[in-house]
């Protein structure tokens, strides 16, 4: 039963990946819709660029905030906050009457995606057992692709409809995944690791039992509990106490450069030029 709870939790949280992909992809068709161009007075290239990139700018802010939000609020509440921000940003986009309102919605939605794309893999890795931890954490990125694909087909279908529905409906559809996260996250277990970090040991033990227990593996659960506890104690002993420490300490600097470099070179390949402006340049 415990394993099923964990897997279902991971599948549910992959909605955050779907939302990321959909939010990223929906702008591609939106900026090329005839009614959108007419409604906003044929935005020039610079304005269109701000509409598109405002999402990424917001994501930077959201991702940077997770180190504080995730530790202070916990994983569940941080996901809830991300879902609420997403709902607000997507609602602003769908109801936009000015370019400024649309850009504000894009930035706010980007903040939510920055939060969710950072906290969801962290949460999944903390609730999963080692033998399927990688697969559960990777679900977010798998669903990202599905979200992008879904956005393209919705945009294509709405192209055959006249009026502002042509672009408002695809933007409004973004609200649904965010609302599902806002409601559903309260049915999940909090991360046992975070509970231990906050010295809530009884709650951590109970969360482990619900996530990994099967009614006949108390010894295993106790071993896992001790392992997480000892790891946290060891990490606090050698933890980096400041952002400067990530740069000044060679071992941490290497990890930071590798992680950021892999992500950066993927973007520097130019893939997002096609992803975001494919409709506009054809």
C-alpha atoms as a PDB file:
ATOM      1  CA  UNK A   1       0.000   0.000   0.000  1.00  0.00           C
ATOM      2  CA  UNK A   2       2.823   2.395   0.925  1.00  0.00           C
ATOM      3  CA  UNK A   3       4.553   2.048  -2.436  1.00  0.00           C
ATOM      4  CA  UNK A   4       1.275   2.721  -4.245  1.00  0.00           C
ATOM      5  CA  UNK A   5       0.773   5.914  -2.215  1.00  0.00           C
ATOM      6  CA  UNK A   6       4.252   7.106  -3.160  1.00  0.00           C
ATOM      7  CA  UNK A   7       3.834   6.376  -6.868  1.00  0.00           C
ATOM      8  CA  UNK A   8       0.383   7.992  -7.003  1.00  0.00           C
ATOM      9  CA  UNK A   9       1.846  11.049  -5.261  1.00  0.00           C
ATOM     10  CA  UNK A  10       4.591  11.270  -7.884  1.00  0.00           C
ATOM     11  CA  UNK A  11       2.123  10.896 -10.740  1.00  0.00           C
ATOM     12  CA  UNK A  12      -0.064  13.616  -9.278  1.00  0.00           C
ATOM     13  CA  UNK A  13       2.851  16.007  -8.830  1.00  0.00           C
ATOM     14  CA  UNK A  14       3.864  15.459 -12.451  1.00  0.00           C
ATOM     15  CA  UNK A  15       0.957  17.810 -13.194  1.00  0.00           C
ATOM     16  CA  UNK A  16       3.479  20.509 -12.305  1.00  0.00           C
ATOM     17  CA  UNK A  17       5.573  19.361 -15.262  1.00  0.00           C
ATOM     18  CA  UNK A  18       2.530  19.385 -17.533  1.00  0.00           C
ATOM     19  CA  UNK A  19       1.801  22.941 -16.406  1.00  0.00           C
ATOM     20  CA  UNK A  20       5.400  23.960 -17.152  1.00  0.00           C
ATOM     21  CA  UNK A  21       5.222  22.518 -20.650  1.00  0.00           C
ATOM     22  CA  UNK A  22       1.795  23.951 -21.371  1.00  0.00           C
ATOM     23  CA  UNK A  23       2.690  27.440 -20.109  1.00  0.00           C
ATOM     24  CA  UNK A  24       5.860  27.370 -22.204  1.00  0.00           C
ATOM     25  CA  UNK A  25       4.126  26.162 -25.351  1.00  0.00           C
ATOM     26  CA  UNK A  26       0.871  28.106 -25.300  1.00  0.00           C
ATOM     27  CA  UNK A  27       2.545  31.410 -26.149  1.00  0.00           C
ATOM     28  CA  UNK A  28       3.833  29.961 -29.430  1.00  0.00           C
ATOM     29  CA  UNK A  29       0.405  29.745 -31.018  1.00  0.00           C
ATOM     30  CA  UNK A  30      -1.037  32.690 -29.086  1.00  0.00           C
ATOM     31  CA  UNK A  31       1.260  35.357 -30.543  1.00  0.00           C
ATOM     32  CA  UNK A  32       0.430  34.137 -34.043  1.00  0.00           C
ATOM     33  CA  UNK A  33      -3.369  34.067 -33.731  1.00  0.00           C
ATOM     34  CA  UNK A  34      -5.019  36.640 -36.067  1.00  0.00           C
ATOM     35  CA  UNK A  35      -7.421  37.911 -33.402  1.00  0.00           C
ATOM     36  CA  UNK A  36      -4.590  38.296 -30.868  1.00  0.00           C
ATOM     37  CA  UNK A  37      -2.618  40.422 -33.322  1.00  0.00           C
ATOM     38  CA  UNK A  38      -5.687  42.521 -34.104  1.00  0.00           C
ATOM     39  CA  UNK A  39      -6.786  42.895 -30.461  1.00  0.00           C
ATOM     40  CA  UNK A  40      -3.415  44.156 -29.233  1.00  0.00           C
ATOM     41  CA  UNK A  41      -2.687  46.280 -32.281  1.00  0.00           C
ATOM     42  CA  UNK A  42      -0.045  44.122 -33.960  1.00  0.00           C
ATOM     43  CA  UNK A  43       2.650  44.204 -31.217  1.00  0.00           C
ATOM     44  CA  UNK A  44       6.119  44.943 -32.556  1.00  0.00           C
ATOM     45  CA  UNK A  45       9.034  42.530 -32.211  1.00  0.00           C
ATOM     46  CA  UNK A  46      10.285  44.083 -28.967  1.00  0.00           C
ATOM     47  CA  UNK A  47       6.874  43.878 -27.297  1.00  0.00           C
ATOM     48  CA  UNK A  48       6.377  40.311 -28.471  1.00  0.00           C
ATOM     49  CA  UNK A  49       9.787  39.454 -27.053  1.00  0.00           C
ATOM     50  CA  UNK A  50       8.800  40.836 -23.651  1.00  0.00           C
ATOM     51  CA  UNK A  51       5.527  38.882 -23.710  1.00  0.00           C
ATOM     52  CA  UNK A  52       7.441  35.690 -24.415  1.00  0.00           C
ATOM     53  CA  UNK A  53      10.468  36.214 -22.166  1.00  0.00           C
ATOM     54  CA  UNK A  54       8.548  37.594 -19.189  1.00  0.00           C
ATOM     55  CA  UNK A  55       7.692  33.991 -18.362  1.00  0.00           C
ATOM     56  CA  UNK A  56      11.369  33.004 -18.153  1.00  0.00           C
ATOM     57  CA  UNK A  57      12.190  36.081 -16.083  1.00  0.00           C
ATOM     58  CA  UNK A  58       9.522  35.156 -13.574  1.00  0.00           C
ATOM     59  CA  UNK A  59      10.797  31.576 -13.454  1.00  0.00           C
ATOM     60  CA  UNK A  60      14.226  32.837 -12.361  1.00  0.00           C
ATOM     61  CA  UNK A  61      12.623  34.647  -9.423  1.00  0.00           C
ATOM     62  CA  UNK A  62      10.501  31.641  -8.497  1.00  0.00           C
ATOM     63  CA  UNK A  63      13.346  29.138  -8.632  1.00  0.00           C
ATOM     64  CA  UNK A  64      15.586  31.387  -6.521  1.00  0.00           C
ATOM     65  CA  UNK A  65      12.904  31.608  -3.827  1.00  0.00           C
ATOM     66  CA  UNK A  66      12.570  27.845  -3.345  1.00  0.00           C
ATOM     67  CA  UNK A  67      15.636  27.526  -1.115  1.00  0.00           C
ATOM     68  CA  UNK A  68      13.813  29.678   1.447  1.00  0.00           C
ATOM     69  CA  UNK A  69      10.204  28.682   0.770  1.00  0.00           C
ATOM     70  CA  UNK A  70      10.890  24.949   0.727  1.00  0.00           C
ATOM     71  CA  UNK A  71      12.746  25.036   4.034  1.00  0.00           C
ATOM     72  CA  UNK A  72      10.455  27.428   5.883  1.00  0.00           C
ATOM     73  CA  UNK A  73       7.008  26.333   4.663  1.00  0.00           C
ATOM     74  CA  UNK A  74       7.670  22.705   3.818  1.00  0.00           C
ATOM     75  CA  UNK A  75       7.297  20.929   0.484  1.00  0.00           C
ATOM     76  CA  UNK A  76       3.491  20.682   0.466  1.00  0.00           C
ATOM     77  CA  UNK A  77       2.816  24.317   1.307  1.00  0.00           C
ATOM     78  CA  UNK A  78       5.408  25.470  -1.229  1.00  0.00           C
ATOM     79  CA  UNK A  79       3.634  23.471  -3.946  1.00  0.00           C
ATOM     80  CA  UNK A  80       0.364  25.038  -2.777  1.00  0.00           C
ATOM     81  CA  UNK A  81       1.879  28.525  -3.054  1.00  0.00           C
ATOM     82  CA  UNK A  82       3.168  27.707  -6.541  1.00  0.00           C
ATOM     83  CA  UNK A  83      -0.278  26.523  -7.612  1.00  0.00           C
ATOM     84  CA  UNK A  84      -1.965  29.662  -6.252  1.00  0.00           C
ATOM     85  CA  UNK A  85       0.502  31.950  -8.025  1.00  0.00           C
ATOM     86  CA  UNK A  86      -0.021  29.983 -11.236  1.00  0.00           C
ATOM     87  CA  UNK A  87      -3.799  30.384 -10.997  1.00  0.00           C
ATOM     88  CA  UNK A  88      -3.428  34.141 -10.527  1.00  0.00           C
ATOM     89  CA  UNK A  89      -0.961  34.589 -13.384  1.00  0.00           C
ATOM     90  CA  UNK A  90      -2.899  32.453 -15.839  1.00  0.00           C
ATOM     91  CA  UNK A  91      -6.158  34.211 -14.970  1.00  0.00           C
ATOM     92  CA  UNK A  92      -4.550  37.571 -15.713  1.00  0.00           C
ATOM     93  CA  UNK A  93      -3.380  36.298 -19.091  1.00  0.00           C
ATOM     94  CA  UNK A  94      -6.778  34.924 -20.057  1.00  0.00           C
ATOM     95  CA  UNK A  95      -8.551  38.134 -19.068  1.00  0.00           C
ATOM     96  CA  UNK A  96      -5.913  40.524 -20.405  1.00  0.00           C
ATOM     97  CA  UNK A  97      -7.227  43.768 -21.904  1.00  0.00           C
ATOM     98  CA  UNK A  98      -3.830  45.426 -22.306  1.00  0.00           C
ATOM     99  CA  UNK A  99      -0.365  44.219 -23.239  1.00  0.00           C
ATOM    100  CA  UNK A 100       0.874  45.225 -19.782  1.00  0.00           C
ATOM    101  CA  UNK A 101      -1.722  43.000 -18.116  1.00  0.00           C
ATOM    102  CA  UNK A 102      -0.705  40.116 -20.352  1.00  0.00           C
ATOM    103  CA  UNK A 103       2.985  40.596 -19.550  1.00  0.00           C
ATOM    104  CA  UNK A 104       2.235  40.789 -15.818  1.00  0.00           C
ATOM    105  CA  UNK A 105       0.333  37.511 -16.074  1.00  0.00           C
ATOM    106  CA  UNK A 106       3.233  35.892 -17.905  1.00  0.00           C
ATOM    107  CA  UNK A 107       5.734  37.011 -15.265  1.00  0.00           C
ATOM    108  CA  UNK A 108       3.538  35.832 -12.384  1.00  0.00           C
ATOM    109  CA  UNK A 109       2.928  32.475 -14.081  1.00  0.00           C
ATOM    110  CA  UNK A 110       6.678  32.193 -14.606  1.00  0.00           C
ATOM    111  CA  UNK A 111       7.290  32.674 -10.886  1.00  0.00           C
ATOM    112  CA  UNK A 112       4.993  29.744 -10.157  1.00  0.00           C
ATOM    113  CA  UNK A 113       6.756  27.530 -12.687  1.00  0.00           C
ATOM    114  CA  UNK A 114      10.131  28.411 -11.196  1.00  0.00           C
ATOM    115  CA  UNK A 115       8.825  27.311  -7.801  1.00  0.00           C
ATOM    116  CA  UNK A 116       7.178  24.109  -9.018  1.00  0.00           C
ATOM    117  CA  UNK A 117      10.018  22.981 -11.289  1.00  0.00           C
ATOM    118  CA  UNK A 118      12.409  23.200  -8.330  1.00  0.00           C
ATOM    119  CA  UNK A 119      10.258  21.878  -5.485  1.00  0.00           C
ATOM    120  CA  UNK A 120       8.478  18.974  -7.214  1.00  0.00           C
ATOM    121  CA  UNK A 121      11.618  16.923  -8.077  1.00  0.00           C
ATOM    122  CA  UNK A 122      12.940  17.629  -4.575  1.00  0.00           C
ATOM    123  CA  UNK A 123       9.717  16.430  -2.974  1.00  0.00           C
ATOM    124  CA  UNK A 124       9.545  13.324  -5.177  1.00  0.00           C
ATOM    125  CA  UNK A 125      13.128  12.350  -4.368  1.00  0.00           C
ATOM    126  CA  UNK A 126      12.429  12.709  -0.644  1.00  0.00           C
ATOM    127  CA  UNK A 127       9.315  10.541  -0.560  1.00  0.00           C
ATOM    128  CA  UNK A 128      10.503   7.807  -2.956  1.00  0.00           C
ATOM    129  CA  UNK A 129      12.523   4.712  -2.138  1.00  0.00           C
ATOM    130  CA  UNK A 130      15.918   4.382  -3.796  1.00  0.00           C
ATOM    131  CA  UNK A 131      14.927   1.775  -6.401  1.00  0.00           C
ATOM    132  CA  UNK A 132      12.446   4.075  -8.162  1.00  0.00           C
ATOM    133  CA  UNK A 133      13.539   7.533  -6.979  1.00  0.00           C
ATOM    134  CA  UNK A 134      15.027   8.541 -10.331  1.00  0.00           C
ATOM    135  CA  UNK A 135      11.956   7.508 -12.305  1.00  0.00           C
ATOM    136  CA  UNK A 136       9.596   9.340  -9.962  1.00  0.00           C
ATOM    137  CA  UNK A 137      11.659  12.533 -10.044  1.00  0.00           C
ATOM    138  CA  UNK A 138      11.924  12.355 -13.841  1.00  0.00           C
ATOM    139  CA  UNK A 139       8.156  12.247 -14.328  1.00  0.00           C
ATOM    140  CA  UNK A 140       8.053  16.043 -14.175  1.00  0.00           C
ATOM    141  CA  UNK A 141      10.224  16.374 -17.273  1.00  0.00           C
ATOM    142  CA  UNK A 142       8.303  13.661 -19.110  1.00  0.00           C
ATOM    143  CA  UNK A 143       5.030  15.471 -18.467  1.00  0.00           C
ATOM    144  CA  UNK A 144       6.624  18.754 -19.536  1.00  0.00           C
ATOM    145  CA  UNK A 145       6.839  17.439 -23.094  1.00  0.00           C
ATOM    146  CA  UNK A 146       3.207  16.332 -23.019  1.00  0.00           C
ATOM    147  CA  UNK A 147       2.149  19.747 -21.780  1.00  0.00           C
ATOM    148  CA  UNK A 148       3.988  21.471 -24.619  1.00  0.00           C
ATOM    149  CA  UNK A 149       2.433  19.129 -27.178  1.00  0.00           C
ATOM    150  CA  UNK A 150      -1.039  19.638 -25.722  1.00  0.00           C
ATOM    151  CA  UNK A 151      -0.639  23.423 -25.907  1.00  0.00           C
ATOM    152  CA  UNK A 152       0.251  23.259 -29.591  1.00  0.00           C
ATOM    153  CA  UNK A 153      -2.791  21.202 -30.511  1.00  0.00           C
ATOM    154  CA  UNK A 154      -5.173  23.380 -28.493  1.00  0.00           C
ATOM    155  CA  UNK A 155      -3.730  26.445 -30.194  1.00  0.00           C
ATOM    156  CA  UNK A 156      -4.109  24.817 -33.590  1.00  0.00           C
ATOM    157  CA  UNK A 157      -7.728  23.871 -32.931  1.00  0.00           C
ATOM    158  CA  UNK A 158      -8.654  27.330 -31.653  1.00  0.00           C
ATOM    159  CA  UNK A 159      -7.212  28.884 -34.797  1.00  0.00           C
ATOM    160  CA  UNK A 160     -10.407  27.833 -36.599  1.00  0.00           C
ATOM    161  CA  UNK A 161     -12.619  29.798 -34.181  1.00  0.00           C
ATOM    162  CA  UNK A 162     -13.323  33.500 -34.643  1.00  0.00           C
ATOM    163  CA  UNK A 163     -13.134  36.108 -31.905  1.00  0.00           C
ATOM    164  CA  UNK A 164     -10.974  36.443 -28.806  1.00  0.00           C
ATOM    165  CA  UNK A 165     -11.825  32.849 -27.816  1.00  0.00           C
ATOM    166  CA  UNK A 166      -9.119  32.027 -30.358  1.00  0.00           C
ATOM    167  CA  UNK A 167      -6.405  32.993 -27.854  1.00  0.00           C
ATOM    168  CA  UNK A 168      -8.218  33.465 -24.534  1.00  0.00           C
ATOM    169  CA  UNK A 169      -9.299  29.829 -24.200  1.00  0.00           C
ATOM    170  CA  UNK A 170      -5.777  28.369 -24.581  1.00  0.00           C
ATOM    171  CA  UNK A 171      -4.532  30.866 -21.989  1.00  0.00           C
ATOM    172  CA  UNK A 172      -7.470  30.145 -19.667  1.00  0.00           C
ATOM    173  CA  UNK A 173      -6.868  26.399 -19.857  1.00  0.00           C
ATOM    174  CA  UNK A 174      -3.623  26.972 -17.935  1.00  0.00           C
ATOM    175  CA  UNK A 175      -5.691  27.623 -14.814  1.00  0.00           C
ATOM    176  CA  UNK A 176      -6.915  24.022 -14.569  1.00  0.00           C
ATOM    177  CA  UNK A 177      -3.617  22.235 -13.722  1.00  0.00           C
ATOM    178  CA  UNK A 178      -2.788  24.915 -11.151  1.00  0.00           C
ATOM    179  CA  UNK A 179      -6.146  24.504  -9.426  1.00  0.00           C
ATOM    180  CA  UNK A 180      -5.744  20.726  -9.367  1.00  0.00           C
ATOM    181  CA  UNK A 181      -2.403  21.146  -7.586  1.00  0.00           C
ATOM    182  CA  UNK A 182      -3.847  23.682  -5.130  1.00  0.00           C
ATOM    183  CA  UNK A 183      -6.610  21.284  -4.074  1.00  0.00           C
ATOM    184  CA  UNK A 184      -4.882  17.931  -4.393  1.00  0.00           C
ATOM    185  CA  UNK A 185      -1.625  18.711  -2.603  1.00  0.00           C
ATOM    186  CA  UNK A 186      -3.389  18.603   0.772  1.00  0.00           C
ATOM    187  CA  UNK A 187      -4.066  14.889   0.295  1.00  0.00           C
ATOM    188  CA  UNK A 188      -0.322  14.124   0.083  1.00  0.00           C
ATOM    189  CA  UNK A 189       2.108  13.264   2.863  1.00  0.00           C
ATOM    190  CA  UNK A 190       4.671  15.841   3.909  1.00  0.00           C
ATOM    191  CA  UNK A 191       8.298  14.989   3.200  1.00  0.00           C
ATOM    192  CA  UNK A 192       9.705  12.841   6.065  1.00  0.00           C
ATOM    193  CA  UNK A 193      13.094  14.446   5.526  1.00  0.00           C
ATOM    194  CA  UNK A 194      11.745  17.974   5.973  1.00  0.00           C
ATOM    195  CA  UNK A 195       9.820  16.925   9.074  1.00  0.00           C
ATOM    196  CA  UNK A 196      13.023  15.540  10.588  1.00  0.00           C
ATOM    197  CA  UNK A 197      14.914  18.721   9.744  1.00  0.00           C
ATOM    198  CA  UNK A 198      12.289  20.580  11.787  1.00  0.00           C
ATOM    199  CA  UNK A 199      12.620  18.099  14.693  1.00  0.00           C
ATOM    200  CA  UNK A 200       9.094  16.759  14.118  1.00  0.00           C
ATOM    201  CA  UNK A 201      10.258  13.188  14.551  1.00  0.00           C
ATOM    202  CA  UNK A 202       6.955  11.491  15.353  1.00  0.00           C
ATOM    203  CA  UNK A 203       5.325  13.028  12.277  1.00  0.00           C
ATOM    204  CA  UNK A 204       8.293  11.954  10.161  1.00  0.00           C
ATOM    205  CA  UNK A 205       7.995   8.385  11.391  1.00  0.00           C
ATOM    206  CA  UNK A 206       4.270   8.357  10.628  1.00  0.00           C
ATOM    207  CA  UNK A 207       4.842   9.809   7.145  1.00  0.00           C
ATOM    208  CA  UNK A 208       7.397   7.088   6.412  1.00  0.00           C
ATOM    209  CA  UNK A 209       4.946   4.436   7.559  1.00  0.00           C
ATOM    210  CA  UNK A 210       2.242   5.732   5.204  1.00  0.00           C
ATOM    211  CA  UNK A 211       4.637   6.137   2.275  1.00  0.00           C
ATOM    212  CA  UNK A 212       6.725   2.970   2.571  1.00  0.00           C
ATOM    213  CA  UNK A 213       4.973   0.710   5.054  1.00  0.00           C
ATOM    214  CA  UNK A 214       3.153  -2.465   4.117  1.00  0.00           C
ATOM    215  CA  UNK A 215       2.153  -3.630   7.596  1.00  0.00           C
ATOM    216  CA  UNK A 216       4.998  -6.116   7.792  1.00  0.00           C
ATOM    217  CA  UNK A 217       8.236  -4.132   7.446  1.00  0.00           C
ATOM    218  CA  UNK A 218       8.689  -2.249  10.708  1.00  0.00           C
ATOM    219  CA  UNK A 219      12.402  -3.076  10.840  1.00  0.00           C
ATOM    220  CA  UNK A 220      12.955  -1.643   7.372  1.00  0.00           C
ATOM    221  CA  UNK A 221      11.065   1.536   8.272  1.00  0.00           C
ATOM    222  CA  UNK A 222      13.134   1.993  11.427  1.00  0.00           C
ATOM    223  CA  UNK A 223      16.348   1.498   9.440  1.00  0.00           C
ATOM    224  CA  UNK A 224      15.206   4.045   6.855  1.00  0.00           C
ATOM    225  CA  UNK A 225      14.258   6.468   9.616  1.00  0.00           C
ATOM    226  CA  UNK A 226      17.713   6.205  11.198  1.00  0.00           C
ATOM    227  CA  UNK A 227      19.417   6.553   7.822  1.00  0.00           C
ATOM    228  CA  UNK A 228      17.586   9.802   7.015  1.00  0.00           C
ATOM    229  CA  UNK A 229      18.227  11.128  10.516  1.00  0.00           C
ATOM    230  CA  UNK A 230      21.954  10.360  10.374  1.00  0.00           C
ATOM    231  CA  UNK A 231      22.238  11.897   6.907  1.00  0.00           C
ATOM    232  CA  UNK A 232      20.653  15.137   8.106  1.00  0.00           C
ATOM    233  CA  UNK A 233      23.003  15.294  11.084  1.00  0.00           C
ATOM    234  CA  UNK A 234      26.015  14.741   8.812  1.00  0.00           C
ATOM    235  CA  UNK A 235      24.828  17.360   6.313  1.00  0.00           C
ATOM    236  CA  UNK A 236      24.389  19.968   9.028  1.00  0.00           C
ATOM    237  CA  UNK A 237      27.986  19.365  10.055  1.00  0.00           C
ATOM    238  CA  UNK A 238      29.433  20.091   6.600  1.00  0.00           C
ATOM    239  CA  UNK A 239      26.697  22.346   5.197  1.00  0.00           C
ATOM    240  CA  UNK A 240      27.536  25.406   3.131  1.00  0.00           C
ATOM    241  CA  UNK A 241      26.482  28.347   5.284  1.00  0.00           C
ATOM    242  CA  UNK A 242      26.321  31.034   2.578  1.00  0.00           C
ATOM    243  CA  UNK A 243      25.972  31.536  -1.171  1.00  0.00           C
ATOM    244  CA  UNK A 244      29.635  32.516  -1.223  1.00  0.00           C
ATOM    245  CA  UNK A 245      30.503  29.035  -0.013  1.00  0.00           C
ATOM    246  CA  UNK A 246      29.138  27.545  -3.234  1.00  0.00           C
ATOM    247  CA  UNK A 247      31.841  29.412  -5.154  1.00  0.00           C
ATOM    248  CA  UNK A 248      34.762  29.405  -2.730  1.00  0.00           C
ATOM    249  CA  UNK A 249      34.702  25.685  -1.900  1.00  0.00           C
ATOM    250  CA  UNK A 250      36.148  23.725  -4.892  1.00  0.00           C
ATOM    251  CA  UNK A 251      33.957  20.633  -4.483  1.00  0.00           C
ATOM    252  CA  UNK A 252      30.757  22.674  -4.346  1.00  0.00           C
ATOM    253  CA  UNK A 253      31.926  24.988  -7.132  1.00  0.00           C
ATOM    254  CA  UNK A 254      32.460  22.019  -9.445  1.00  0.00           C
ATOM    255  CA  UNK A 255      28.961  20.696  -8.762  1.00  0.00           C
ATOM    256  CA  UNK A 256      27.454  24.150  -9.272  1.00  0.00           C
ATOM    257  CA  UNK A 257      29.231  24.716 -12.588  1.00  0.00           C
ATOM    258  CA  UNK A 258      28.338  21.259 -13.878  1.00  0.00           C
ATOM    259  CA  UNK A 259      24.673  21.593 -12.976  1.00  0.00           C
ATOM    260  CA  UNK A 260      24.296  25.127 -14.320  1.00  0.00           C
ATOM    261  CA  UNK A 261      26.430  24.400 -17.379  1.00  0.00           C
ATOM    262  CA  UNK A 262      24.365  21.416 -18.496  1.00  0.00           C
ATOM    263  CA  UNK A 263      21.176  23.452 -18.184  1.00  0.00           C
ATOM    264  CA  UNK A 264      22.657  26.527 -19.864  1.00  0.00           C
ATOM    265  CA  UNK A 265      24.073  24.748 -22.902  1.00  0.00           C
ATOM    266  CA  UNK A 266      20.714  23.114 -23.517  1.00  0.00           C
ATOM    267  CA  UNK A 267      19.149  26.571 -23.773  1.00  0.00           C
ATOM    268  CA  UNK A 268      22.067  28.067 -25.721  1.00  0.00           C
ATOM    269  CA  UNK A 269      21.429  25.539 -28.475  1.00  0.00           C
ATOM    270  CA  UNK A 270      18.687  27.924 -29.604  1.00  0.00           C
ATOM    271  CA  UNK A 271      15.838  25.457 -29.216  1.00  0.00           C
ATOM    272  CA  UNK A 272      13.570  28.054 -27.609  1.00  0.00           C
ATOM    273  CA  UNK A 273      13.726  30.275 -30.688  1.00  0.00           C
ATOM    274  CA  UNK A 274      11.812  27.536 -32.502  1.00  0.00           C
ATOM    275  CA  UNK A 275       9.671  26.649 -29.499  1.00  0.00           C
ATOM    276  CA  UNK A 276       8.471  30.197 -28.888  1.00  0.00           C
ATOM    277  CA  UNK A 277       8.588  31.855 -32.299  1.00  0.00           C
ATOM    278  CA  UNK A 278       7.954  28.955 -34.665  1.00  0.00           C
ATOM    279  CA  UNK A 279       4.516  30.230 -35.666  1.00  0.00           C
ATOM    280  CA  UNK A 280       5.624  33.847 -35.993  1.00  0.00           C
ATOM    281  CA  UNK A 281       8.578  33.140 -38.303  1.00  0.00           C
ATOM    282  CA  UNK A 282       6.833  30.713 -40.675  1.00  0.00           C
END
